[in-house]
């Protein structure tokens, strides 16, 4: 197994001409040049760092009055700018001056506003500044590309993603139910068993069971002896209700239905189970039963207590601790939610003609969007577009694809992550339930500009194809789960063959048309903050084994990032890696936190496809703060290398 730490930093926006970017941070190379003119034989004046909206040669500038900045440098002391002249022009074979400030007596070299006529959307501009100083003059040039100013600039692009599912999982509620337990205050840390036996109406049999349930701390549920669901112990896990359904149509010979529950508790807080059961009968009638004294309960019970024919006549009635809405739990149980959908992958094939001069992809997302072109990443940004209040603004990115597109057939791929927009794991900040919460979506338009002025636009619409990807879970706090058995090689490559992925083609016949979605309501704006990019890779420096099969991997320092894994093992083997900044006294990773993260905390899971070759994966939609990872499920003999 190879562990390679992925380090990324959010680069600081330059607030003044004296600000410097951190060493090693990758930024696009400026299309800039500088000239100098010495005065009276003095040292040359140098102009550097030509910025537009605090960015170098940016793409997607969509403010009406962009601001220009530059830095004056010299080998001599006491050099002061005395004036500047700023000019903005269109680019191309016949450039046209859009604005000439004239010579402006001023020492200002930061945030000088454009004051010319409106700039056109999705257009390249060049700019030049000439500066006079007390010790000579100098000039520098650079460029920028505008973004999309108006709704019409998006050319009818739609928000697309997965088909929307109803928010409501069930119409059952806990009204009328009581929290039940047995021998409260005694037998701490011992499981309790509960049973409900419901007789069928005359001549009828059960066809379906629906169960709304929660427990402090956890529970397992059976119907007629078959397990239908279980929860894991979690801090405040009782605050999230679970919903289980069971098809009972095969139990037509039984005259009654038995629901059994095993409740567990750690003895630190009161133990309790809260449930509502609805049974549907073959005659079309329904019976609804809530937890209360009518349920049977026991502290001593056999392992197979859930079997329907068990004689529970000697069991006690359950003790009602509190009606729902009272007691230590109050009414703070959230309704059940659907299992999160995997990260969807979308693809679109397009034809590119001859004499392509410029190609720009403008892309907005609710959540995160990883873009690929012909099987390769389309850019260096990660965790993009940046997060906002999606009811207020929605950020979009702009990526230059001119050199990446090839004449003929091409394929665009987009994989969507949840970010804050579609987070499903509960936490103390309730990021799973903001007013704009929804499944991830994307809206994009690809501008293809050809010699002669022809412009083609490829937009997101139902002609894109969608399929569940191998990232089966992603949560900014909880981490990610990736199942390599679900990976489809070539999904973002051009061409397909009905026989499958052969001879460079990919068959997307099993994929569905993308669904048009409402999308976030905020105003679309170009991403204001600097991009997040991978800037450094750090190797592991130590591996310990504090317990058999538990490996703790140490990296050189604490940082924000993620780990790349390369593993060989059988299909279905799952490597679990929990991230933390420090260790406990026992040498394991300390995962304590106060965020109430119901989806776990900083833990990745990598399930192998079992190819017989090394398999490599790294997260795409989350990052962690850590110096150590705790690895379990290692599928090979011997310790980690």
Foldseek 3Di string as FASTA:
>chain_A
DFKWFFFWDFWFQDPAQPDDTDPLDDADDWPKDKDWDFDPPFWTKTKDDWDWLSGGQEEAAADFKIFIAIDIDTPDPPKFWQWKWKWKWFDDPDIDTFDIPPIGGDRDGTGHIHDGPGDDAQGKMKMKMWIQIPGTIMMMIGIYTHHDHDPCSLVPFFWWDADDDDFAPDPDDLVPAFWWDPPWPPDAQFKKKKKDKFFDPPPKDWFKKKKKKFKAFWKWKDKQQHTFDIDDGAVVRRQEIDMTMDGCPVVGVDRIMMMMMMWGHRRPDTITMWMKMWTAMPVGDIDIDTHDQNMFMDRDDDPSNRHPPDDRVVTGGIHGPGRACDDPVHPSRDYHGDQDAFFKKKKDKDADAPQWDWKKKKKWKQADKFKDKQPHGQDFFFRDDDDDPLQAETAIEMGTCRVVDDHTMMMMMITGDNHLQAACWQWPVRSNDDPRHDPMIMWMWMWTAGPPGDIDIDIHDQVMWMDRAQFRDDHQFAHTEGACLRHAPLPRRTAADPVACPPRHGDCVVTGGIDGDPGGNHHYGHRSTRGMGRRDMWGWDDWDDLDVQKIKTFTDAWGKTWMKDKAAAAAFQKKKKAFAADADPSGHHDPDDRTSGRSHGRMYIYGDRNPRGIDMDIDRRYIDTHGMIIIGSRHDPDDDD
